[in-house]
Amino acid sequence: MSDSIHIVCPHCLSINRVPAAKLDDKPNCGRCQHALFTGEPIELTAQTFLRHLERSGIPLLVDFWAPWCGPCKVMAPRFQQAAHLLEPKIRLAKVNTEAEPYLGTQFGIRSIPTLVLFQSGREVARHSGAIGAQDIVRWVSAQLRNL
């Protein structure tokens, strides 16, 4: 990792430069003073998705889901638990494909839940189907090791 990493604030969307060595120190946004990492997946919309995808220096793991999807409901607490385990090295986010159909179409989401892992603004891996928190962590770790 470089000396500093750009992190998009999940609250005000400002871009923060955080020293890599300070990522684990629970940094706050320089603009709004809120925590840059909350241990919770953030909700992304068509308006906020690209900002996180293109401007953040850490990988982005997105759960494409819908409120009517049974497996999505089962996986939601597991994805939340994975956020506790993977942050601040990885940003976890959710996209409701019912509310944001454009994003689902743009990324070719054909079944839900689907996890898509992005790094440096491009998709590097995807997994369809509900899995447990530890499985999410293992899958992400394996994908990033292979790059």
C-alpha atoms as a PDB file:
ATOM      1  CA  MET A   1       0.000   0.000   0.000  1.00  0.00           C
ATOM      2  CA  SER A   2       1.058   3.559  -0.586  1.00  0.00           C
ATOM      3  CA  ASP A   3       1.638   6.043   2.203  1.00  0.00           C
ATOM      4  CA  SER A   4      -1.934   7.340   2.045  1.00  0.00           C
ATOM      5  CA  ILE A   5      -5.235   6.038   0.744  1.00  0.00           C
ATOM      6  CA  HIS A   6      -8.265   7.916  -0.526  1.00  0.00           C
ATOM      7  CA  ILE A   7     -11.426   7.023   1.384  1.00  0.00           C
ATOM      8  CA  VAL A   8     -14.860   8.319   0.398  1.00  0.00           C
ATOM      9  CA  CYS A   9     -16.910   9.397   3.393  1.00  0.00           C
ATOM     10  CA  PRO A  10     -20.140   7.366   3.575  1.00  0.00           C
ATOM     11  CA  HIS A  11     -21.912  10.376   5.101  1.00  0.00           C
ATOM     12  CA  CYS A  12     -20.944  13.462   3.067  1.00  0.00           C
ATOM     13  CA  LEU A  13     -19.140  11.790   0.112  1.00  0.00           C
ATOM     14  CA  SER A  14     -16.020  13.914   0.526  1.00  0.00           C
ATOM     15  CA  ILE A  15     -12.719  12.280  -0.323  1.00  0.00           C
ATOM     16  CA  ASN A  16     -10.331  11.887   2.572  1.00  0.00           C
ATOM     17  CA  ARG A  17      -6.635  11.106   2.359  1.00  0.00           C
ATOM     18  CA  VAL A  18      -5.842   8.700   5.198  1.00  0.00           C
ATOM     19  CA  PRO A  19      -2.344   7.475   6.001  1.00  0.00           C
ATOM     20  CA  ALA A  20      -2.307   3.713   5.361  1.00  0.00           C
ATOM     21  CA  ALA A  21      -0.863   3.126   8.824  1.00  0.00           C
ATOM     22  CA  LYS A  22      -3.841   4.963  10.383  1.00  0.00           C
ATOM     23  CA  LEU A  23      -6.662   3.028   8.699  1.00  0.00           C
ATOM     24  CA  ASP A  24      -7.147   0.815  11.763  1.00  0.00           C
ATOM     25  CA  ASP A  25      -7.322   3.870  14.066  1.00  0.00           C
ATOM     26  CA  LYS A  26     -10.996   4.613  13.240  1.00  0.00           C
ATOM     27  CA  PRO A  27     -10.392   7.765  11.184  1.00  0.00           C
ATOM     28  CA  ASN A  28     -13.029  10.476  10.889  1.00  0.00           C
ATOM     29  CA  CYS A  29     -13.948  12.523   7.852  1.00  0.00           C
ATOM     30  CA  GLY A  30     -12.059  15.805   7.653  1.00  0.00           C
ATOM     31  CA  ARG A  31     -15.185  17.577   6.415  1.00  0.00           C
ATOM     32  CA  CYS A  32     -18.160  16.249   8.423  1.00  0.00           C
ATOM     33  CA  GLN A  33     -16.203  14.633  11.302  1.00  0.00           C
ATOM     34  CA  HIS A  34     -18.221  11.381  11.125  1.00  0.00           C
ATOM     35  CA  ALA A  35     -16.478   8.009  11.193  1.00  0.00           C
ATOM     36  CA  LEU A  36     -15.221   6.860   7.795  1.00  0.00           C
ATOM     37  CA  PHE A  37     -15.960   3.264   8.815  1.00  0.00           C
ATOM     38  CA  THR A  38     -18.920   2.201  10.922  1.00  0.00           C
ATOM     39  CA  GLY A  39     -18.703  -1.590  10.729  1.00  0.00           C
ATOM     40  CA  GLU A  40     -21.919  -1.506   8.680  1.00  0.00           C
ATOM     41  CA  PRO A  41     -22.448  -1.871   4.938  1.00  0.00           C
ATOM     42  CA  ILE A  42     -23.403   1.421   3.314  1.00  0.00           C
ATOM     43  CA  GLU A  43     -26.382   1.823   0.979  1.00  0.00           C
ATOM     44  CA  LEU A  44     -25.399   2.970  -2.488  1.00  0.00           C
ATOM     45  CA  THR A  45     -27.588   4.646  -5.076  1.00  0.00           C
ATOM     46  CA  ALA A  46     -26.990   5.483  -8.712  1.00  0.00           C
ATOM     47  CA  GLN A  47     -25.822   8.917  -7.512  1.00  0.00           C
ATOM     48  CA  THR A  48     -23.308   7.631  -4.933  1.00  0.00           C
ATOM     49  CA  PHE A  49     -22.120   4.383  -6.521  1.00  0.00           C
ATOM     50  CA  LEU A  50     -19.562   5.832  -8.928  1.00  0.00           C
ATOM     51  CA  ARG A  51     -18.054   8.097  -6.286  1.00  0.00           C
ATOM     52  CA  HIS A  52     -17.217   5.080  -4.107  1.00  0.00           C
ATOM     53  CA  LEU A  53     -16.189   2.928  -7.053  1.00  0.00           C
ATOM     54  CA  GLU A  54     -13.879   5.401  -8.745  1.00  0.00           C
ATOM     55  CA  ARG A  55     -12.503   7.540  -5.939  1.00  0.00           C
ATOM     56  CA  SER A  56     -11.800   5.140  -3.084  1.00  0.00           C
ATOM     57  CA  GLY A  57      -8.391   3.519  -2.711  1.00  0.00           C
ATOM     58  CA  ILE A  58      -9.695   0.345  -1.066  1.00  0.00           C
ATOM     59  CA  PRO A  59     -11.628  -2.529  -2.647  1.00  0.00           C
ATOM     60  CA  LEU A  60     -15.418  -2.236  -2.741  1.00  0.00           C
ATOM     61  CA  LEU A  61     -17.601  -5.299  -2.093  1.00  0.00           C
ATOM     62  CA  VAL A  62     -21.197  -4.780  -3.196  1.00  0.00           C
ATOM     63  CA  ASP A  63     -24.190  -6.946  -2.296  1.00  0.00           C
ATOM     64  CA  PHE A  64     -26.833  -6.590  -5.025  1.00  0.00           C
ATOM     65  CA  TRP A  65     -30.140  -7.548  -3.376  1.00  0.00           C
ATOM     66  CA  ALA A  66     -33.895  -6.891  -3.322  1.00  0.00           C
ATOM     67  CA  PRO A  67     -36.348  -6.629  -0.400  1.00  0.00           C
ATOM     68  CA  TRP A  68     -38.604  -9.429  -1.724  1.00  0.00           C
ATOM     69  CA  CYS A  69     -35.725 -11.927  -2.013  1.00  0.00           C
ATOM     70  CA  GLY A  70     -35.709 -14.606   0.722  1.00  0.00           C
ATOM     71  CA  PRO A  71     -32.024 -15.560   0.326  1.00  0.00           C
ATOM     72  CA  CYS A  72     -31.144 -11.841   0.403  1.00  0.00           C
ATOM     73  CA  LYS A  73     -32.895 -11.501   3.768  1.00  0.00           C
ATOM     74  CA  VAL A  74     -31.000 -14.536   5.075  1.00  0.00           C
ATOM     75  CA  MET A  75     -27.670 -13.139   3.896  1.00  0.00           C
ATOM     76  CA  ALA A  76     -28.183  -9.550   5.130  1.00  0.00           C
ATOM     77  CA  PRO A  77     -27.004 -10.146   8.730  1.00  0.00           C
ATOM     78  CA  ARG A  78     -24.124 -12.262   7.432  1.00  0.00           C
ATOM     79  CA  PHE A  79     -23.023  -9.446   5.117  1.00  0.00           C
ATOM     80  CA  GLN A  80     -23.264  -7.031   8.043  1.00  0.00           C
ATOM     81  CA  GLN A  81     -21.089  -9.344  10.143  1.00  0.00           C
ATOM     82  CA  ALA A  82     -18.571  -9.522   7.278  1.00  0.00           C
ATOM     83  CA  ALA A  83     -18.380  -5.704   7.366  1.00  0.00           C
ATOM     84  CA  HIS A  84     -17.191  -5.906  10.968  1.00  0.00           C
ATOM     85  CA  LEU A  85     -14.506  -8.375   9.894  1.00  0.00           C
ATOM     86  CA  LEU A  86     -13.325  -6.738   6.654  1.00  0.00           C
ATOM     87  CA  GLU A  87     -13.397  -3.005   7.384  1.00  0.00           C
ATOM     88  CA  PRO A  88     -11.331  -0.845   7.038  1.00  0.00           C
ATOM     89  CA  LYS A  89      -9.392  -2.792   4.395  1.00  0.00           C
ATOM     90  CA  ILE A  90     -12.528  -3.180   2.260  1.00  0.00           C
ATOM     91  CA  ARG A  91     -15.660  -1.042   1.942  1.00  0.00           C
ATOM     92  CA  LEU A  92     -18.880  -3.104   2.030  1.00  0.00           C
ATOM     93  CA  ALA A  93     -21.958  -1.708   0.359  1.00  0.00           C
ATOM     94  CA  LYS A  94     -25.457  -2.761  -0.643  1.00  0.00           C
ATOM     95  CA  VAL A  95     -27.439  -1.914  -3.761  1.00  0.00           C
ATOM     96  CA  ASN A  96     -31.182  -2.502  -3.704  1.00  0.00           C
ATOM     97  CA  THR A  97     -31.824  -3.603  -7.296  1.00  0.00           C
ATOM     98  CA  GLU A  98     -35.536  -2.853  -6.877  1.00  0.00           C
ATOM     99  CA  ALA A  99     -34.814   0.796  -6.041  1.00  0.00           C
ATOM    100  CA  GLU A 100     -31.773   1.045  -8.349  1.00  0.00           C
ATOM    101  CA  PRO A 101     -32.613  -1.084 -11.416  1.00  0.00           C
ATOM    102  CA  TYR A 102     -30.118   0.841 -13.548  1.00  0.00           C
ATOM    103  CA  LEU A 103     -27.203  -0.392 -11.433  1.00  0.00           C
ATOM    104  CA  GLY A 104     -28.446  -3.977 -11.592  1.00  0.00           C
ATOM    105  CA  THR A 105     -28.680  -3.737 -15.372  1.00  0.00           C
ATOM    106  CA  GLN A 106     -25.351  -1.930 -15.729  1.00  0.00           C
ATOM    107  CA  PHE A 107     -23.532  -4.728 -13.912  1.00  0.00           C
ATOM    108  CA  GLY A 108     -25.484  -7.586 -15.478  1.00  0.00           C
ATOM    109  CA  ILE A 109     -27.036  -8.805 -12.243  1.00  0.00           C
ATOM    110  CA  ARG A 110     -29.165 -11.805 -13.222  1.00  0.00           C
ATOM    111  CA  SER A 111     -29.737 -13.388  -9.827  1.00  0.00           C
ATOM    112  CA  ILE A 112     -29.710 -12.102  -6.286  1.00  0.00           C
ATOM    113  CA  PRO A 113     -28.046 -11.955  -3.934  1.00  0.00           C
ATOM    114  CA  THR A 114     -24.917 -11.366  -5.983  1.00  0.00           C
ATOM    115  CA  LEU A 115     -21.661 -10.132  -4.486  1.00  0.00           C
ATOM    116  CA  VAL A 116     -19.410  -8.133  -6.793  1.00  0.00           C
ATOM    117  CA  LEU A 117     -15.876  -7.245  -5.742  1.00  0.00           C
ATOM    118  CA  PHE A 118     -14.322  -4.153  -7.316  1.00  0.00           C
ATOM    119  CA  GLN A 119     -10.741  -2.972  -7.074  1.00  0.00           C
ATOM    120  CA  SER A 120      -9.302   0.164  -8.638  1.00  0.00           C
ATOM    121  CA  GLY A 121     -12.656   0.890 -10.265  1.00  0.00           C
ATOM    122  CA  ARG A 122     -13.076  -2.420 -12.061  1.00  0.00           C
ATOM    123  CA  GLU A 123     -14.845  -5.674 -11.301  1.00  0.00           C
ATOM    124  CA  VAL A 124     -12.451  -8.419 -10.231  1.00  0.00           C
ATOM    125  CA  ALA A 125     -14.843 -11.161  -9.047  1.00  0.00           C
ATOM    126  CA  ARG A 126     -18.478 -12.052  -8.424  1.00  0.00           C
ATOM    127  CA  HIS A 127     -20.406 -14.673  -6.489  1.00  0.00           C
ATOM    128  CA  SER A 128     -24.120 -15.425  -6.729  1.00  0.00           C
ATOM    129  CA  GLY A 129     -26.106 -16.948  -3.881  1.00  0.00           C
ATOM    130  CA  ALA A 130     -26.287 -16.509  -0.126  1.00  0.00           C
ATOM    131  CA  ILE A 131     -23.197 -17.434   1.891  1.00  0.00           C
ATOM    132  CA  GLY A 132     -22.099 -17.031   5.495  1.00  0.00           C
ATOM    133  CA  ALA A 133     -19.973 -14.231   6.941  1.00  0.00           C
ATOM    134  CA  GLN A 134     -16.822 -16.347   7.225  1.00  0.00           C
ATOM    135  CA  ASP A 135     -17.371 -17.583   3.663  1.00  0.00           C
ATOM    136  CA  ILE A 136     -17.604 -13.983   2.478  1.00  0.00           C
ATOM    137  CA  VAL A 137     -14.335 -13.155   4.234  1.00  0.00           C
ATOM    138  CA  ARG A 138     -12.603 -16.229   2.790  1.00  0.00           C
ATOM    139  CA  TRP A 139     -13.920 -15.557  -0.711  1.00  0.00           C
ATOM    140  CA  VAL A 140     -12.830 -11.893  -0.671  1.00  0.00           C
ATOM    141  CA  SER A 141      -9.416 -12.778   0.737  1.00  0.00           C
ATOM    142  CA  ALA A 142      -8.871 -15.439  -1.931  1.00  0.00           C
ATOM    143  CA  GLN A 143      -9.885 -13.051  -4.710  1.00  0.00           C
ATOM    144  CA  LEU A 144      -7.578 -10.279  -3.558  1.00  0.00           C
ATOM    145  CA  ARG A 145      -4.674 -12.719  -3.108  1.00  0.00           C
ATOM    146  CA  ASN A 146      -5.119 -13.856  -6.707  1.00  0.00           C
ATOM    147  CA  LEU A 147      -4.791 -10.360  -8.172  1.00  0.00           C
END
